[in-house]
Each structure stands twice: as structure tokens, then as C-alpha cells.
N, C-alpha and C. Protein backbone atom coordinates (compact mmCIF):
# COMPACT_ATOMS: atom_id res chain seq x y z
N MET A 1 -11.99 6.63 -26.17
CA MET A 1 -11.68 5.19 -26.03
C MET A 1 -12.43 4.69 -24.82
N SER A 2 -13.04 3.55 -24.94
CA SER A 2 -13.86 2.95 -23.89
C SER A 2 -12.98 2.17 -22.91
N SER A 3 -13.35 2.20 -21.62
CA SER A 3 -12.67 1.43 -20.61
C SER A 3 -13.26 0.03 -20.47
N PHE A 4 -14.20 -0.36 -21.34
CA PHE A 4 -14.82 -1.68 -21.32
C PHE A 4 -13.72 -2.70 -21.54
N GLY A 5 -13.68 -3.70 -20.70
CA GLY A 5 -12.75 -4.81 -20.85
C GLY A 5 -11.40 -4.51 -20.21
N THR A 6 -11.18 -3.33 -19.65
CA THR A 6 -9.92 -3.12 -18.96
C THR A 6 -9.95 -3.82 -17.61
N GLN A 7 -8.77 -4.24 -17.20
CA GLN A 7 -8.68 -4.96 -15.93
C GLN A 7 -7.81 -4.21 -15.00
N THR A 8 -8.22 -4.24 -13.69
CA THR A 8 -7.49 -3.55 -12.65
C THR A 8 -6.32 -4.47 -12.26
N LYS A 9 -5.11 -3.94 -12.16
CA LYS A 9 -3.95 -4.68 -11.80
C LYS A 9 -3.50 -4.33 -10.35
N CYS A 10 -3.01 -5.36 -9.66
CA CYS A 10 -2.46 -5.20 -8.34
C CYS A 10 -1.08 -4.58 -8.46
N LYS A 11 -0.78 -3.52 -7.71
CA LYS A 11 0.52 -2.88 -7.77
C LYS A 11 1.65 -3.80 -7.31
N ALA A 12 1.36 -4.68 -6.36
CA ALA A 12 2.41 -5.55 -5.83
C ALA A 12 2.80 -6.68 -6.71
N CYS A 13 1.83 -7.32 -7.31
CA CYS A 13 2.16 -8.53 -8.10
C CYS A 13 1.82 -8.34 -9.62
N ASP A 14 1.21 -7.30 -10.02
CA ASP A 14 0.87 -6.91 -11.38
C ASP A 14 -0.09 -7.92 -12.04
N LYS A 15 -0.84 -8.67 -11.21
CA LYS A 15 -1.89 -9.55 -11.73
C LYS A 15 -3.25 -8.88 -11.63
N THR A 16 -4.22 -9.38 -12.34
CA THR A 16 -5.55 -8.89 -12.29
C THR A 16 -6.17 -9.00 -10.93
N VAL A 17 -6.75 -7.95 -10.41
CA VAL A 17 -7.43 -7.97 -9.12
C VAL A 17 -8.91 -7.69 -9.33
N TYR A 18 -9.73 -8.60 -8.80
CA TYR A 18 -11.15 -8.50 -8.98
C TYR A 18 -11.84 -7.82 -7.81
N ALA A 19 -13.01 -7.31 -8.01
CA ALA A 19 -13.71 -6.48 -7.01
C ALA A 19 -13.77 -7.15 -5.61
N ALA A 20 -14.01 -8.46 -5.60
CA ALA A 20 -14.14 -9.15 -4.32
C ALA A 20 -12.87 -9.20 -3.50
N GLU A 21 -11.71 -8.96 -4.10
CA GLU A 21 -10.47 -9.09 -3.42
C GLU A 21 -9.62 -7.81 -3.40
N VAL A 22 -10.16 -6.72 -3.90
CA VAL A 22 -9.34 -5.52 -4.05
C VAL A 22 -9.37 -4.66 -2.78
N ILE A 23 -8.18 -4.13 -2.49
CA ILE A 23 -7.99 -3.07 -1.46
C ILE A 23 -7.43 -1.87 -2.23
N SER A 24 -8.10 -0.76 -2.11
CA SER A 24 -7.66 0.45 -2.80
C SER A 24 -7.14 1.41 -1.75
N ALA A 25 -5.84 1.65 -1.80
CA ALA A 25 -5.18 2.56 -0.84
C ALA A 25 -4.50 3.73 -1.58
N GLY A 26 -4.95 4.92 -1.33
CA GLY A 26 -4.37 6.05 -1.99
C GLY A 26 -4.48 6.03 -3.48
N GLY A 27 -5.60 5.46 -3.98
CA GLY A 27 -5.79 5.37 -5.41
C GLY A 27 -5.08 4.24 -6.07
N VAL A 28 -4.39 3.40 -5.28
CA VAL A 28 -3.63 2.27 -5.86
C VAL A 28 -4.32 1.00 -5.39
N ASN A 29 -4.40 0.05 -6.32
CA ASN A 29 -5.14 -1.23 -6.03
C ASN A 29 -4.15 -2.35 -5.71
N TYR A 30 -4.61 -3.20 -4.75
CA TYR A 30 -3.82 -4.34 -4.27
C TYR A 30 -4.77 -5.48 -4.08
N HIS A 31 -4.31 -6.76 -4.22
CA HIS A 31 -5.05 -7.89 -3.66
C HIS A 31 -5.02 -7.78 -2.16
N ASN A 32 -6.00 -8.24 -1.46
CA ASN A 32 -5.98 -8.17 -0.02
C ASN A 32 -4.77 -8.95 0.54
N THR A 33 -4.36 -10.03 -0.17
CA THR A 33 -3.18 -10.77 0.30
C THR A 33 -1.87 -10.15 -0.06
N CYS A 34 -1.84 -9.21 -0.97
CA CYS A 34 -0.61 -8.49 -1.37
C CYS A 34 -0.38 -7.24 -0.56
N PHE A 35 -1.39 -6.75 0.16
CA PHE A 35 -1.36 -5.53 0.92
C PHE A 35 -0.55 -5.78 2.20
N ARG A 36 0.77 -5.62 2.07
CA ARG A 36 1.68 -6.04 3.18
C ARG A 36 2.81 -5.02 3.43
N CYS A 37 3.33 -5.01 4.61
CA CYS A 37 4.43 -4.16 5.00
C CYS A 37 5.69 -4.57 4.22
N SER A 38 6.36 -3.61 3.61
CA SER A 38 7.58 -3.89 2.87
C SER A 38 8.73 -4.34 3.74
N HIS A 39 8.68 -4.04 5.02
CA HIS A 39 9.75 -4.38 5.96
C HIS A 39 9.57 -5.78 6.58
N CYS A 40 8.39 -6.02 7.14
CA CYS A 40 8.20 -7.32 7.84
C CYS A 40 7.27 -8.25 7.15
N ASN A 41 6.65 -7.80 6.02
CA ASN A 41 5.77 -8.65 5.25
C ASN A 41 4.47 -8.93 6.02
N GLY A 42 4.18 -8.20 7.06
CA GLY A 42 2.94 -8.38 7.77
C GLY A 42 1.77 -7.84 7.00
N ARG A 43 0.59 -8.50 7.19
CA ARG A 43 -0.64 -8.06 6.54
C ARG A 43 -1.04 -6.69 7.08
N LEU A 44 -1.54 -5.88 6.17
CA LEU A 44 -1.99 -4.55 6.49
C LEU A 44 -3.48 -4.42 6.35
N ALA A 45 -4.00 -3.41 6.93
CA ALA A 45 -5.44 -3.00 6.75
C ALA A 45 -5.47 -1.54 6.46
N LEU A 46 -6.60 -1.06 5.88
CA LEU A 46 -6.72 0.34 5.55
C LEU A 46 -6.60 1.24 6.82
N SER A 47 -6.89 0.63 7.95
CA SER A 47 -6.85 1.44 9.19
C SER A 47 -5.48 1.49 9.88
N ASN A 48 -4.51 0.71 9.36
CA ASN A 48 -3.22 0.65 10.08
C ASN A 48 -1.99 0.65 9.18
N TYR A 49 -2.01 1.33 8.05
CA TYR A 49 -0.85 1.37 7.16
C TYR A 49 -0.38 2.76 6.95
N SER A 50 0.87 2.87 6.52
CA SER A 50 1.45 4.17 6.05
C SER A 50 2.15 3.84 4.72
N CYS A 51 2.24 4.89 3.92
CA CYS A 51 2.88 4.73 2.59
C CYS A 51 3.85 5.87 2.37
N LEU A 52 5.00 5.60 1.95
CA LEU A 52 6.02 6.58 1.62
C LEU A 52 6.60 6.30 0.27
N ASP A 53 6.41 7.23 -0.67
CA ASP A 53 6.90 7.08 -2.05
C ASP A 53 6.43 5.73 -2.65
N GLY A 54 5.21 5.36 -2.40
CA GLY A 54 4.65 4.12 -3.01
C GLY A 54 5.03 2.83 -2.26
N THR A 55 5.75 2.96 -1.16
CA THR A 55 6.17 1.79 -0.40
C THR A 55 5.30 1.68 0.86
N LEU A 56 4.71 0.52 1.10
CA LEU A 56 3.82 0.29 2.20
C LEU A 56 4.56 -0.14 3.47
N PHE A 57 4.08 0.38 4.57
CA PHE A 57 4.67 0.03 5.87
C PHE A 57 3.55 -0.15 6.90
N CYS A 58 3.78 -1.06 7.91
CA CYS A 58 2.91 -1.13 9.05
C CYS A 58 3.30 0.09 9.95
N LYS A 59 2.40 0.46 10.87
CA LYS A 59 2.66 1.61 11.70
C LYS A 59 3.98 1.50 12.47
N PRO A 60 4.34 0.38 13.16
CA PRO A 60 5.58 0.33 13.87
C PRO A 60 6.79 0.53 13.00
N HIS A 61 6.85 -0.07 11.83
CA HIS A 61 8.01 0.10 10.97
C HIS A 61 8.05 1.49 10.30
N PHE A 62 6.90 2.08 10.04
CA PHE A 62 6.92 3.47 9.53
C PHE A 62 7.46 4.39 10.63
N GLU A 63 7.04 4.19 11.89
CA GLU A 63 7.59 5.05 12.97
C GLU A 63 9.06 4.84 13.17
N GLN A 64 9.50 3.61 12.98
CA GLN A 64 10.93 3.30 13.11
C GLN A 64 11.66 4.07 12.02
N LEU A 65 11.13 4.04 10.77
CA LEU A 65 11.78 4.78 9.69
C LEU A 65 11.84 6.28 9.94
N LEU A 66 10.77 6.80 10.51
CA LEU A 66 10.76 8.23 10.83
C LEU A 66 11.85 8.57 11.84
N LYS A 67 12.06 7.68 12.85
CA LYS A 67 13.06 7.95 13.87
C LYS A 67 14.47 7.89 13.22
N GLU A 68 14.66 6.92 12.28
CA GLU A 68 15.96 6.78 11.61
C GLU A 68 16.29 7.91 10.69
N LYS A 69 15.31 8.37 9.97
CA LYS A 69 15.50 9.38 8.88
C LYS A 69 15.25 10.79 9.37
N GLY A 70 14.49 10.95 10.43
CA GLY A 70 14.10 12.27 10.89
C GLY A 70 12.76 12.64 10.30
N SER A 71 11.83 12.97 11.12
CA SER A 71 10.49 13.24 10.70
C SER A 71 10.34 14.41 9.78
N GLY A 72 11.22 15.39 9.87
CA GLY A 72 11.11 16.56 9.03
C GLY A 72 11.36 16.27 7.55
N ALA A 73 12.09 15.21 7.30
CA ALA A 73 12.46 14.91 5.91
C ALA A 73 11.42 14.08 5.16
N LEU A 74 10.47 13.47 5.94
CA LEU A 74 9.55 12.57 5.33
C LEU A 74 8.14 13.07 5.36
N LYS A 75 7.40 12.80 4.35
CA LYS A 75 5.95 13.07 4.32
C LYS A 75 5.27 11.77 3.91
N SER A 76 4.23 11.41 4.63
CA SER A 76 3.56 10.16 4.34
C SER A 76 2.09 10.39 4.07
N SER A 77 1.48 9.31 3.52
CA SER A 77 0.00 9.29 3.37
C SER A 77 -0.48 8.38 4.43
N SER A 78 -0.10 8.58 5.65
CA SER A 78 -0.43 7.74 6.78
C SER A 78 -1.95 7.73 7.05
N ARG A 79 -2.48 6.58 7.35
CA ARG A 79 -3.91 6.43 7.63
C ARG A 79 -4.13 6.10 9.07
């Protein structure tokens, strides 16, 4: 089966994301405007985000989560 005509979807909003606006983090695609911390809604960059079970966090809120839950229980794809 050909992949011709398939469209990449943003994980956050489930809308089509085009090459000019895509951020690919951990193999998952987002619009650059949808790539945000789930706690504070702050904009993220590939250089300053962490992801836990598919949920995006800024570094400060991810560190806060680690302190609350205990670092031994969590594994992240921190960048």
C-alpha cells in the first residue's frame, strides 16, 4: 500500500501538520504552536522539553513532577 496522499497529524490537535510547521519529538509530530507544556501551557522547544507517557512538560514542571512522585518511579525521554 502506498503512503502517497497520507497526511501527518498533530498529536495535540489531530489536524494536518505541514512540513513548514512540524516539530517532531520522539517520533511524534506536533504543530509548533501545539508543542506546549501540559501543566503551564508554555511553548516548548526541542532543546527544553521532557515527555512522560506521551505527556509533554517544560523542564521546571517535569522536575517538580519528579520531586512529587519520586525519581525512581519515573522514566522520561528528556531532551
